[in-house]
C-alpha cells in the first residue's frame, strides 16, 4: 500500500512559492543591529547584535558618508547595517571591481554601517548650532596637505602655506611667512611689549613712521629709558657744567 500523501495542486503550488520566497529572503542581506569592533579609516569591522540559530562572523564593511567628511568612529560605536539591492564591493573596494548584475544575490556584501543616536550621548551645547567634535578634537583642511585649522583639547591652531587673514570691517591682521601686518584706525596694546630679537635672531630694530607720544602716567613712572638712562632725568655735559633735566612742560 502506498504511503504517498496526495495534496491538491493549488496547495502544493502555494507551498512551493512560500519556500522559494523564504529561500530568497535568507539569501538577501539583513539589516541587523551591530557594533564596531575595529576601525580602518572609513572601513569598519562590525559584530552583529542579534540572536540567531547559526553563528554570525564579524565582517568588514564600508561606513556611510562621503569622502570629504571623515567621522571619528570608535570601537564600540553602535549602529546597524544598511543593505543595498546588490553587492557593493566594486564601490567600496572590498570586493571585485566587476559591475554586478541584478541576478546576483548580494548576501552580506551589500552592507554599509550606519551609526545611530543613543540616549546616553552628552547633551549638545546649543541645539540651534551645528556641533562638530571628536575624541581628540577637530581638523579642517582642503584635499591633500594644504592649510589647516586644528582644535584639540587645549589648543586652537591654524597653519597656511601662504597667508592667514583675519578681517573685521576695515581692520585686519594678515600673517605671511616672515611678516605680520596689522591694520586699523587705532591699535591698542594692553600689556607689556617686548622685542627680544630682530629678524633671524639679529639685533632688534624698531621703526616708527609717525610721532611717539608717552602719556603723562607713563612719564611719571620714569620708565622711558635707553641703555639705562631715563628720558625724564637725563643730563648732558656742557662747557660750564652739566645741563638740567628736560622740562616736561616745554
Protein backbone atom coordinates (compact mmCIF):
# COMPACT_ATOMS: atom_id res chain seq x y z
CA UNK A 1 0.00 0.00 0.00
CA UNK A 2 1.41 3.32 -0.99
CA UNK A 3 2.12 5.88 1.79
CA UNK A 4 2.19 8.79 -0.63
CA UNK A 5 0.08 11.72 0.51
CA UNK A 6 -1.76 13.33 -2.28
CA UNK A 7 -2.35 17.06 -1.96
CA UNK A 8 -4.36 19.36 -4.19
CA UNK A 9 -2.21 21.00 -6.87
CA UNK A 10 -3.11 24.51 -5.65
CA UNK A 11 -1.86 23.71 -2.15
CA UNK A 12 1.44 22.32 -3.46
CA UNK A 13 1.90 25.36 -5.67
CA UNK A 14 1.31 27.69 -2.74
CA UNK A 15 3.81 25.81 -0.56
CA UNK A 16 6.40 25.92 -3.33
CA UNK A 17 6.01 29.67 -3.68
CA UNK A 18 6.38 30.16 0.06
CA UNK A 19 9.54 28.04 0.17
CA UNK A 20 11.02 29.95 -2.79
CA UNK A 21 10.23 33.27 -1.13
CA UNK A 22 11.74 32.08 2.17
CA UNK A 23 14.91 30.97 0.42
CA UNK A 24 15.19 34.30 -1.37
CA UNK A 25 14.84 36.20 1.91
CA UNK A 26 17.54 34.09 3.54
CA UNK A 27 19.90 34.79 0.65
CA UNK A 28 19.27 38.53 0.85
CA UNK A 29 21.22 40.87 3.11
CA UNK A 30 19.70 41.54 6.51
CA UNK A 31 19.68 44.99 8.10
CA UNK A 32 20.79 43.92 11.55
CA UNK A 33 21.99 45.98 14.52
CA UNK A 34 25.75 45.83 15.07
CA UNK A 35 28.67 47.41 16.93
CA UNK A 36 32.09 48.39 15.64
CA UNK A 37 34.96 46.15 16.78
CA UNK A 38 37.74 47.60 14.60
CA UNK A 39 38.30 50.80 12.61
CA UNK A 40 40.48 51.08 9.49
CA UNK A 41 39.93 54.58 8.17
CA UNK A 42 36.38 54.57 6.78
CA UNK A 43 36.20 50.76 6.74
CA UNK A 44 34.89 49.15 9.92
CA UNK A 45 34.63 45.61 11.23
CA UNK A 46 31.28 45.00 12.87
CA UNK A 47 29.82 42.38 15.19
CA UNK A 48 26.13 41.68 14.62
CA UNK A 49 24.00 42.06 17.74
CA UNK A 50 21.19 39.58 17.05
CA UNK A 51 20.24 36.14 18.29
CA UNK A 52 20.23 33.54 15.52
CA UNK A 53 20.34 29.73 15.34
CA UNK A 54 23.61 29.98 13.40
CA UNK A 55 26.96 31.70 14.03
CA UNK A 56 27.49 35.16 12.55
CA UNK A 57 31.10 36.10 11.89
CA UNK A 58 32.40 39.66 12.22
CA UNK A 59 32.57 41.43 8.87
CA UNK A 60 34.45 44.32 7.25
CA UNK A 61 32.06 46.76 5.63
CA UNK A 62 32.29 50.40 4.48
CA UNK A 63 30.94 53.19 6.63
CA UNK A 64 28.30 55.51 5.21
CA UNK A 65 29.21 59.05 4.13
CA UNK A 66 31.22 60.96 1.51
CA UNK A 67 35.00 61.09 1.21
CA UNK A 68 35.09 64.72 2.35
CA UNK A 69 33.70 64.12 5.83
CA UNK A 70 35.63 61.66 7.99
CA UNK A 71 33.73 60.60 11.10
CA UNK A 72 35.83 59.65 14.16
CA UNK A 73 34.07 56.32 14.61
CA UNK A 74 35.40 54.44 17.63
CA UNK A 75 35.38 50.80 18.67
CA UNK A 76 32.09 50.15 20.39
CA UNK A 77 30.10 52.61 18.26
CA UNK A 78 26.51 51.37 17.94
CA UNK A 79 24.54 51.31 14.71
CA UNK A 80 23.08 48.98 12.14
CA UNK A 81 23.99 47.55 8.76
CA UNK A 82 22.06 49.01 5.83
CA UNK A 83 21.61 46.78 2.80
CA UNK A 84 21.68 47.62 -0.89
CA UNK A 85 19.94 45.53 -3.53
CA UNK A 86 23.22 44.17 -4.87
CA UNK A 87 26.85 43.76 -3.84
CA UNK A 88 28.81 46.97 -3.18
CA UNK A 89 32.32 45.55 -3.42
CA UNK A 90 33.05 47.39 -6.66
CA UNK A 91 32.13 50.68 -4.94
CA UNK A 92 33.91 50.19 -1.61
CA UNK A 93 36.97 48.38 -2.93
CA UNK A 94 36.28 45.43 -0.64
CA UNK A 95 35.34 43.13 -3.48
CA UNK A 96 35.56 42.56 -7.20
CA UNK A 97 35.71 45.63 -9.45
CA UNK A 98 33.29 43.95 -11.85
CA UNK A 99 29.92 45.68 -12.04
CA UNK A 100 27.32 43.23 -10.67
CA UNK A 101 24.07 42.32 -12.38
CA UNK A 102 20.67 42.27 -10.75
CA UNK A 103 20.53 38.46 -10.73
CA UNK A 104 23.42 38.21 -8.26
CA UNK A 105 22.40 37.67 -4.64
CA UNK A 106 24.11 40.33 -2.50
CA UNK A 107 24.04 38.40 0.78
CA UNK A 108 26.24 40.32 3.29
CA UNK A 109 28.40 42.00 0.62
CA UNK A 110 25.83 44.78 0.21
CA UNK A 111 26.04 46.11 3.77
CA UNK A 112 27.03 49.63 4.87
CA UNK A 113 27.49 50.66 8.52
CA UNK A 114 25.20 53.43 9.75
CA UNK A 115 25.69 54.78 13.30
CA UNK A 116 22.56 55.76 15.18
CA UNK A 117 21.77 58.11 18.06
CA UNK A 118 21.77 56.94 21.65
CA UNK A 119 20.10 58.37 24.76
CA UNK A 120 23.46 58.11 26.54
CA UNK A 121 25.11 60.77 24.36
CA UNK A 122 26.21 64.02 26.01
CA UNK A 123 23.87 66.98 25.65
CA UNK A 124 24.51 69.47 22.84
CA UNK A 125 25.97 72.86 23.76
CA UNK A 126 23.40 74.68 21.60
CA UNK A 127 20.71 72.70 19.77
CA UNK A 128 20.39 75.51 17.19
CA UNK A 129 24.02 75.30 16.06
CA UNK A 130 25.99 72.75 14.09
CA UNK A 131 28.25 70.92 16.51
CA UNK A 132 31.44 69.14 15.42
CA UNK A 133 33.67 67.29 17.82
CA UNK A 134 35.91 64.27 18.10
CA UNK A 135 37.58 62.43 20.98
CA UNK A 136 40.78 64.47 20.46
CA UNK A 137 39.44 67.47 18.52
CA UNK A 138 38.61 68.65 15.01
CA UNK A 139 40.74 69.24 11.90
CA UNK A 140 39.60 71.28 8.89
CA UNK A 141 41.70 71.10 5.73
CA UNK A 142 41.44 71.03 1.93
CA UNK A 143 42.16 67.88 -0.04
CA UNK A 144 45.82 66.98 0.40
CA UNK A 145 48.35 68.63 2.69
CA UNK A 146 47.37 72.29 2.48
CA UNK A 147 46.26 74.83 5.07
CA UNK A 148 44.50 73.51 8.16
CA UNK A 149 42.76 74.59 11.33
CA UNK A 150 43.15 72.24 14.28
CA UNK A 151 41.21 72.30 17.53
CA UNK A 152 42.25 69.88 20.23
CA UNK A 153 41.58 69.58 23.95
CA UNK A 154 43.78 72.58 24.87
CA UNK A 155 44.83 74.40 21.68
CA UNK A 156 43.42 76.06 18.58
CA UNK A 157 45.99 76.38 15.80
CA UNK A 158 45.92 77.49 12.17
CA UNK A 159 48.58 76.75 9.57
CA UNK A 160 48.81 78.02 5.99
CA UNK A 161 51.33 77.72 3.17
CA UNK A 162 50.95 81.39 2.24
CA UNK A 163 48.64 83.67 4.24
CA UNK A 164 46.32 83.75 7.24
CA UNK A 165 43.93 86.71 7.26
CA UNK A 166 41.52 87.92 9.96
CA UNK A 167 39.21 90.76 8.90
CA UNK A 168 36.62 92.75 10.85
CA UNK A 169 35.24 95.76 8.93
CA UNK A 170 38.21 97.92 7.94
CA UNK A 171 40.57 96.28 10.46
CA UNK A 172 42.69 93.29 9.55
CA UNK A 173 45.52 91.08 10.68
CA UNK A 174 47.50 89.43 7.89
CA UNK A 175 50.18 86.84 8.65
CA UNK A 176 52.67 85.84 5.97
CA UNK A 177 55.96 84.00 6.04
CA UNK A 178 58.31 86.39 7.88
CA UNK A 179 55.80 89.24 8.18
CA UNK A 180 52.68 90.29 10.11
CA UNK A 181 50.57 93.29 9.04
CA UNK A 182 48.07 94.84 11.46
CA UNK A 183 45.71 97.47 10.04
CA UNK A 184 43.19 99.52 11.98
CA UNK A 185 42.10 103.08 12.75
CA UNK A 186 43.55 102.55 16.24
CA UNK A 187 45.67 99.71 17.63
CA UNK A 188 45.80 99.23 21.39
CA UNK A 189 48.29 97.01 23.20
CA UNK A 190 47.11 96.25 26.72
CA UNK A 191 50.13 94.61 28.28
CA UNK A 192 53.91 94.56 28.30
CA UNK A 193 55.57 94.91 24.90
CA UNK A 194 58.91 93.17 24.38
CA UNK A 195 61.16 92.70 21.37
CA UNK A 196 63.82 90.16 22.22
CA UNK A 197 65.47 89.74 18.83
CA UNK A 198 65.40 91.01 15.28
CA UNK A 199 64.82 89.02 12.10
CA UNK A 200 66.63 85.68 12.12
CA UNK A 201 67.85 86.30 15.65
CA UNK A 202 69.66 89.55 14.76
CA UNK A 203 69.73 92.88 16.56
CA UNK A 204 66.25 94.15 17.46
CA UNK A 205 65.11 97.18 15.47
CA UNK A 206 62.05 99.42 15.64
CA UNK A 207 60.96 101.94 13.03
CA UNK A 208 58.14 104.42 13.63
CA UNK A 209 56.61 106.31 10.74
CA UNK A 210 54.82 108.81 12.97
CA UNK A 211 55.05 110.60 16.30
CA UNK A 212 55.78 108.70 19.50
CA UNK A 213 53.91 110.18 22.44
CA UNK A 214 54.43 108.99 26.01
CA UNK A 215 51.40 109.71 28.17
CA UNK A 216 51.72 111.62 31.47
CA UNK A 217 51.04 108.49 33.54
CA UNK A 218 53.97 106.79 31.86
CA UNK A 219 56.26 109.80 32.22
CA UNK A 220 55.61 109.93 35.94
CA UNK A 221 56.78 106.38 36.33
CA UNK A 222 60.18 107.33 34.85
CA UNK A 223 60.41 104.15 32.80
CA UNK A 224 61.17 105.66 29.38
CA UNK A 225 64.87 104.96 29.08
CA UNK A 226 67.65 103.96 26.74
CA UNK A 227 70.68 101.95 27.82
CA UNK A 228 69.78 102.64 31.47
CA UNK A 229 69.41 106.41 31.05
CA UNK A 230 65.95 107.76 31.91
CA UNK A 231 64.46 110.21 29.45
CA UNK A 232 62.88 112.33 32.23
CA UNK A 233 66.06 112.80 34.29
CA UNK A 234 69.00 112.56 31.92
CA UNK A 235 71.54 115.43 31.64
CA UNK A 236 74.31 116.38 29.24
CA UNK A 237 77.76 117.86 29.91
CA UNK A 238 78.05 121.47 28.76
CA UNK A 239 81.03 123.89 28.75
CA UNK A 240 80.06 125.42 32.08
CA UNK A 241 78.93 122.27 33.88
CA UNK A 242 76.01 119.92 33.40
CA UNK A 243 72.66 120.60 31.79
CA UNK A 244 69.48 120.32 33.78
CA UNK A 245 66.95 117.55 33.22
CA UNK A 246 64.37 118.05 30.45
CA UNK A 247 61.37 120.15 31.39
CA UNK A 248 58.23 118.11 30.65
CA UNK A 249 56.24 121.35 30.30
CA UNK A 250 58.36 122.71 27.42
